Amino acid sequence: MSKVKKNVYDILRGGFLTDESSFKNWRILIFVVILLLVMIYSSHSADAKVVRISQLNKEIRELRAEDIDTSTRLMRMKLESNIRDKVKQKGLSPAKTPPRKIKVTYNKE
């Protein structure tokens, strides 16, 4: 068996974990596993943040629509014709004569 085939066979069989210098291999393997776990955790965390951002964007769109609807209703309520109708129901009517200015003068004596 050639040296390359023997090394590949040794790796597939797991011989690098049972050798005399396997402690060094175990440390590297544990380090790689920890790095993989951190990578998986960070990707799941990023996915959760993307989902949360999309939910917040949807909520923002709904709140903007509600704000526009509310401001439209308020503008309609502020119209002079609507105010006249509501005041007319209470028995009030617009003044027949226009308002006059009252001037106050002070005499320094």
N, C-alpha and C. Protein backbone atom coordinates (compact mmCIF):
# COMPACT_ATOMS: atom_id res chain seq x y z
N MET A 1 0.85 -1.16 0.00
CA MET A 1 0.00 0.00 0.00
C MET A 1 0.90 1.24 0.00
N SER A 2 0.56 2.21 -0.82
CA SER A 2 1.39 3.41 -0.87
C SER A 2 1.14 4.28 0.36
N LYS A 3 2.03 5.20 0.57
CA LYS A 3 1.98 6.06 1.75
C LYS A 3 0.71 6.94 1.74
N VAL A 4 0.31 7.41 0.57
CA VAL A 4 -0.88 8.27 0.46
C VAL A 4 -2.13 7.46 0.81
N LYS A 5 -2.21 6.25 0.26
CA LYS A 5 -3.37 5.41 0.54
C LYS A 5 -3.43 5.06 2.03
N LYS A 6 -2.27 4.81 2.61
CA LYS A 6 -2.22 4.47 4.03
C LYS A 6 -2.66 5.65 4.88
N ASN A 7 -2.26 6.87 4.52
CA ASN A 7 -2.66 8.06 5.28
C ASN A 7 -4.16 8.32 5.15
N VAL A 8 -4.68 8.15 3.97
CA VAL A 8 -6.12 8.35 3.77
C VAL A 8 -6.90 7.29 4.55
N TYR A 9 -6.45 6.06 4.48
CA TYR A 9 -7.11 4.99 5.22
C TYR A 9 -7.02 5.24 6.72
N ASP A 10 -5.90 5.73 7.18
CA ASP A 10 -5.70 6.03 8.60
C ASP A 10 -6.64 7.15 9.05
N ILE A 11 -6.84 8.17 8.20
CA ILE A 11 -7.74 9.28 8.54
C ILE A 11 -9.18 8.79 8.57
N LEU A 12 -9.58 7.99 7.57
CA LEU A 12 -10.94 7.48 7.53
C LEU A 12 -11.24 6.55 8.70
N ARG A 13 -10.27 5.83 9.12
CA ARG A 13 -10.43 4.89 10.23
C ARG A 13 -10.40 5.61 11.57
N GLY A 14 -9.87 6.84 11.61
CA GLY A 14 -9.78 7.59 12.86
C GLY A 14 -8.51 7.31 13.61
N GLY A 15 -7.50 6.82 12.93
CA GLY A 15 -6.24 6.50 13.59
C GLY A 15 -5.53 7.73 14.13
N PHE A 16 -5.81 8.90 13.57
CA PHE A 16 -5.14 10.12 14.05
C PHE A 16 -5.63 10.51 15.44
N LEU A 17 -6.75 9.93 15.87
CA LEU A 17 -7.26 10.23 17.21
C LEU A 17 -6.74 9.25 18.26
N THR A 18 -6.16 8.14 17.83
CA THR A 18 -5.70 7.13 18.78
C THR A 18 -4.18 6.99 18.80
N ASP A 19 -3.47 7.85 18.08
CA ASP A 19 -2.01 7.79 18.06
C ASP A 19 -1.43 8.29 19.38
N GLU A 20 -0.09 8.26 19.43
CA GLU A 20 0.60 8.77 20.61
C GLU A 20 0.45 10.29 20.71
N SER A 21 0.37 10.97 19.59
CA SER A 21 0.26 12.42 19.59
C SER A 21 -1.20 12.86 19.41
N SER A 22 -2.11 12.03 19.87
CA SER A 22 -3.53 12.32 19.64
C SER A 22 -4.05 13.48 20.50
N PHE A 23 -3.38 13.78 21.62
CA PHE A 23 -3.83 14.89 22.47
C PHE A 23 -3.82 16.19 21.70
N LYS A 24 -2.80 16.40 20.89
CA LYS A 24 -2.71 17.59 20.07
C LYS A 24 -3.84 17.62 19.03
N ASN A 25 -4.14 16.46 18.47
CA ASN A 25 -5.22 16.37 17.49
C ASN A 25 -6.59 16.61 18.14
N TRP A 26 -6.76 16.10 19.35
CA TRP A 26 -8.03 16.31 20.05
C TRP A 26 -8.26 17.78 20.35
N ARG A 27 -7.21 18.50 20.74
CA ARG A 27 -7.36 19.93 21.03
C ARG A 27 -7.80 20.68 19.78
N ILE A 28 -7.20 20.37 18.64
CA ILE A 28 -7.58 21.04 17.39
C ILE A 28 -9.01 20.68 17.01
N LEU A 29 -9.36 19.41 17.17
CA LEU A 29 -10.70 18.96 16.83
C LEU A 29 -11.75 19.63 17.70
N ILE A 30 -11.49 19.72 18.99
CA ILE A 30 -12.43 20.40 19.90
C ILE A 30 -12.54 21.88 19.54
N PHE A 31 -11.43 22.51 19.20
CA PHE A 31 -11.43 23.91 18.81
C PHE A 31 -12.28 24.12 17.55
N VAL A 32 -12.13 23.23 16.58
CA VAL A 32 -12.90 23.33 15.33
C VAL A 32 -14.39 23.13 15.62
N VAL A 33 -14.72 22.17 16.49
CA VAL A 33 -16.12 21.93 16.84
C VAL A 33 -16.73 23.15 17.52
N ILE A 34 -15.98 23.76 18.42
CA ILE A 34 -16.47 24.98 19.09
C ILE A 34 -16.69 26.10 18.08
N LEU A 35 -15.75 26.25 17.16
CA LEU A 35 -15.93 27.27 16.12
C LEU A 35 -17.16 27.00 15.27
N LEU A 36 -17.41 25.74 14.94
CA LEU A 36 -18.60 25.39 14.17
C LEU A 36 -19.88 25.70 14.95
N LEU A 37 -19.88 25.41 16.24
CA LEU A 37 -21.05 25.72 17.06
C LEU A 37 -21.31 27.23 17.12
N VAL A 38 -20.24 28.00 17.26
CA VAL A 38 -20.38 29.46 17.28
C VAL A 38 -20.92 29.96 15.95
N MET A 39 -20.45 29.40 14.87
CA MET A 39 -20.90 29.80 13.54
C MET A 39 -22.39 29.47 13.35
N ILE A 40 -22.80 28.30 13.78
CA ILE A 40 -24.21 27.90 13.67
C ILE A 40 -25.08 28.81 14.51
N TYR A 41 -24.63 29.10 15.74
CA TYR A 41 -25.40 29.98 16.62
C TYR A 41 -25.54 31.38 16.02
N SER A 42 -24.46 31.90 15.46
CA SER A 42 -24.52 33.25 14.90
C SER A 42 -25.41 33.31 13.66
N SER A 43 -25.40 32.25 12.86
CA SER A 43 -26.28 32.25 11.68
C SER A 43 -27.75 32.17 12.10
N HIS A 44 -28.06 31.37 13.12
CA HIS A 44 -29.44 31.31 13.62
C HIS A 44 -29.85 32.64 14.22
N SER A 45 -28.93 33.28 14.92
CA SER A 45 -29.21 34.59 15.51
C SER A 45 -29.47 35.63 14.42
N ALA A 46 -28.69 35.59 13.37
CA ALA A 46 -28.89 36.53 12.26
C ALA A 46 -30.24 36.28 11.58
N ASP A 47 -30.61 35.02 11.40
CA ASP A 47 -31.91 34.70 10.81
C ASP A 47 -33.05 35.22 11.68
N ALA A 48 -32.93 35.05 12.99
CA ALA A 48 -33.97 35.54 13.91
C ALA A 48 -34.08 37.06 13.82
N LYS A 49 -32.94 37.74 13.69
CA LYS A 49 -32.98 39.19 13.58
C LYS A 49 -33.62 39.63 12.27
N VAL A 50 -33.38 38.92 11.20
CA VAL A 50 -34.01 39.26 9.91
C VAL A 50 -35.52 39.10 10.01
N VAL A 51 -35.97 38.04 10.66
CA VAL A 51 -37.41 37.82 10.83
C VAL A 51 -38.01 38.93 11.67
N ARG A 52 -37.33 39.31 12.75
CA ARG A 52 -37.81 40.40 13.63
C ARG A 52 -37.87 41.72 12.87
N ILE A 53 -36.88 41.99 12.04
CA ILE A 53 -36.87 43.23 11.26
C ILE A 53 -38.05 43.26 10.30
N SER A 54 -38.34 42.13 9.66
CA SER A 54 -39.48 42.10 8.72
C SER A 54 -40.80 42.29 9.47
N GLN A 55 -40.91 41.74 10.67
CA GLN A 55 -42.12 41.94 11.47
C GLN A 55 -42.28 43.42 11.84
N LEU A 56 -41.17 44.05 12.24
CA LEU A 56 -41.23 45.46 12.62
C LEU A 56 -41.55 46.34 11.41
N ASN A 57 -41.02 46.00 10.24
CA ASN A 57 -41.35 46.77 9.03
C ASN A 57 -42.83 46.65 8.69
N LYS A 58 -43.38 45.45 8.86
CA LYS A 58 -44.81 45.26 8.61
C LYS A 58 -45.63 46.08 9.60
N GLU A 59 -45.23 46.08 10.85
CA GLU A 59 -45.93 46.87 11.87
C GLU A 59 -45.83 48.37 11.57
N ILE A 60 -44.67 48.81 11.08
CA ILE A 60 -44.51 50.22 10.73
C ILE A 60 -45.46 50.60 9.59
N ARG A 61 -45.56 49.73 8.58
CA ARG A 61 -46.48 50.01 7.47
C ARG A 61 -47.92 50.11 7.96
N GLU A 62 -48.32 49.20 8.87
CA GLU A 62 -49.68 49.24 9.40
C GLU A 62 -49.92 50.52 10.21
N LEU A 63 -48.94 50.92 11.01
CA LEU A 63 -49.10 52.13 11.82
C LEU A 63 -49.13 53.38 10.95
N ARG A 64 -48.35 53.40 9.88
CA ARG A 64 -48.41 54.55 8.96
C ARG A 64 -49.77 54.64 8.30
N ALA A 65 -50.31 53.50 7.88
CA ALA A 65 -51.64 53.51 7.26
C ALA A 65 -52.69 53.99 8.26
N GLU A 66 -52.58 53.55 9.50
CA GLU A 66 -53.52 53.99 10.53
C GLU A 66 -53.38 55.49 10.79
N ASP A 67 -52.15 55.99 10.79
CA ASP A 67 -51.91 57.42 11.00
C ASP A 67 -52.52 58.24 9.88
N ILE A 68 -52.33 57.80 8.64
CA ILE A 68 -52.90 58.52 7.50
C ILE A 68 -54.42 58.51 7.57
N ASP A 69 -54.99 57.36 7.93
CA ASP A 69 -56.44 57.26 8.04
C ASP A 69 -56.96 58.18 9.14
N THR A 70 -56.30 58.20 10.27
CA THR A 70 -56.73 59.05 11.38
C THR A 70 -56.60 60.53 11.03
N SER A 71 -55.51 60.91 10.39
CA SER A 71 -55.35 62.32 10.03
C SER A 71 -56.37 62.73 8.97
N THR A 72 -56.74 61.83 8.06
CA THR A 72 -57.76 62.12 7.07
C THR A 72 -59.11 62.34 7.73
N ARG A 73 -59.45 61.48 8.67
CA ARG A 73 -60.72 61.66 9.39
C ARG A 73 -60.73 62.96 10.18
N LEU A 74 -59.61 63.31 10.79
CA LEU A 74 -59.51 64.56 11.55
C LEU A 74 -59.68 65.76 10.64
N MET A 75 -59.06 65.74 9.46
CA MET A 75 -59.21 66.84 8.52
C MET A 75 -60.66 66.99 8.08
N ARG A 76 -61.35 65.87 7.87
CA ARG A 76 -62.76 65.93 7.49
C ARG A 76 -63.61 66.50 8.62
N MET A 77 -63.26 66.15 9.85
CA MET A 77 -64.00 66.66 11.01
C MET A 77 -63.77 68.16 11.18
N LYS A 78 -62.64 68.68 10.74
CA LYS A 78 -62.32 70.09 10.89
C LYS A 78 -62.95 70.96 9.81
N LEU A 79 -63.51 70.36 8.78
CA LEU A 79 -64.12 71.14 7.71
C LEU A 79 -65.25 72.00 8.26
N GLU A 80 -65.37 73.21 7.70
CA GLU A 80 -66.36 74.16 8.20
C GLU A 80 -67.78 73.62 8.07
N SER A 81 -68.07 72.92 7.00
CA SER A 81 -69.42 72.38 6.80
C SER A 81 -69.77 71.36 7.88
N ASN A 82 -68.82 70.52 8.26
CA ASN A 82 -69.08 69.54 9.33
C ASN A 82 -69.27 70.24 10.67
N ILE A 83 -68.48 71.25 10.91
CA ILE A 83 -68.61 71.98 12.18
C ILE A 83 -69.96 72.68 12.24
N ARG A 84 -70.39 73.31 11.12
CA ARG A 84 -71.71 73.97 11.09
C ARG A 84 -72.83 72.97 11.36
N ASP A 85 -72.75 71.79 10.77
CA ASP A 85 -73.79 70.78 11.01
C ASP A 85 -73.84 70.36 12.47
N LYS A 86 -72.71 70.16 13.07
CA LYS A 86 -72.69 69.72 14.48
C LYS A 86 -73.15 70.83 15.41
N VAL A 87 -72.77 72.06 15.11
CA VAL A 87 -73.18 73.19 15.95
C VAL A 87 -74.67 73.48 15.75
N LYS A 88 -75.18 73.27 14.52
CA LYS A 88 -76.59 73.50 14.22
C LYS A 88 -77.46 72.56 15.04
N GLN A 89 -76.99 71.34 15.25
CA GLN A 89 -77.75 70.37 16.05
C GLN A 89 -77.89 70.84 17.49
N LYS A 90 -76.95 71.65 17.95
CA LYS A 90 -77.01 72.16 19.33
C LYS A 90 -77.75 73.49 19.41
N GLY A 91 -78.24 73.99 18.28
CA GLY A 91 -79.04 75.20 18.29
C GLY A 91 -78.25 76.47 18.03
N LEU A 92 -77.03 76.37 17.66
CA LEU A 92 -76.23 77.55 17.36
C LEU A 92 -76.20 77.79 15.86
N SER A 93 -76.00 79.05 15.47
CA SER A 93 -75.91 79.38 14.06
C SER A 93 -74.83 80.44 13.88
N PRO A 94 -74.34 80.62 12.66
CA PRO A 94 -73.32 81.64 12.43
C PRO A 94 -73.90 83.04 12.68
N ALA A 95 -73.03 83.95 13.04
CA ALA A 95 -73.45 85.33 13.32
C ALA A 95 -73.90 86.01 12.02
N LYS A 96 -74.93 86.84 12.15
CA LYS A 96 -75.43 87.56 10.98
C LYS A 96 -74.58 88.79 10.67
N THR A 97 -74.01 89.40 11.70
CA THR A 97 -73.18 90.59 11.52
C THR A 97 -71.73 90.21 11.74
N PRO A 98 -70.84 90.79 10.98
CA PRO A 98 -69.43 90.46 11.16
C PRO A 98 -68.89 91.01 12.49
N PRO A 99 -67.87 90.42 13.01
CA PRO A 99 -67.31 90.90 14.27
C PRO A 99 -66.63 92.26 14.08
N ARG A 100 -66.59 93.05 15.18
CA ARG A 100 -65.94 94.37 15.14
C ARG A 100 -64.75 94.36 16.08
N LYS A 101 -63.78 95.16 15.74
CA LYS A 101 -62.61 95.31 16.60
C LYS A 101 -62.94 96.29 17.72
N ILE A 102 -62.44 95.98 18.87
CA ILE A 102 -62.57 96.90 20.00
C ILE A 102 -61.18 97.46 20.25
N LYS A 103 -61.09 98.78 20.20
CA LYS A 103 -59.82 99.44 20.44
C LYS A 103 -59.85 100.03 21.83
N VAL A 104 -58.80 99.79 22.55
CA VAL A 104 -58.68 100.35 23.90
C VAL A 104 -57.55 101.36 23.84
N THR A 105 -57.84 102.56 24.29
CA THR A 105 -56.81 103.60 24.32
C THR A 105 -56.56 103.98 25.77
N TYR A 106 -55.33 104.23 26.09
CA TYR A 106 -54.94 104.61 27.43
C TYR A 106 -54.53 106.08 27.40
N ASN A 107 -55.03 106.83 28.32
CA ASN A 107 -54.65 108.23 28.45
C ASN A 107 -53.64 108.34 29.58
N LYS A 108 -52.52 108.97 29.32
CA LYS A 108 -51.51 109.13 30.37
C LYS A 108 -51.71 110.50 31.00
N GLU A 109 -52.41 110.56 32.06
CA GLU A 109 -52.63 111.84 32.75
C GLU A 109 -52.14 111.78 34.14
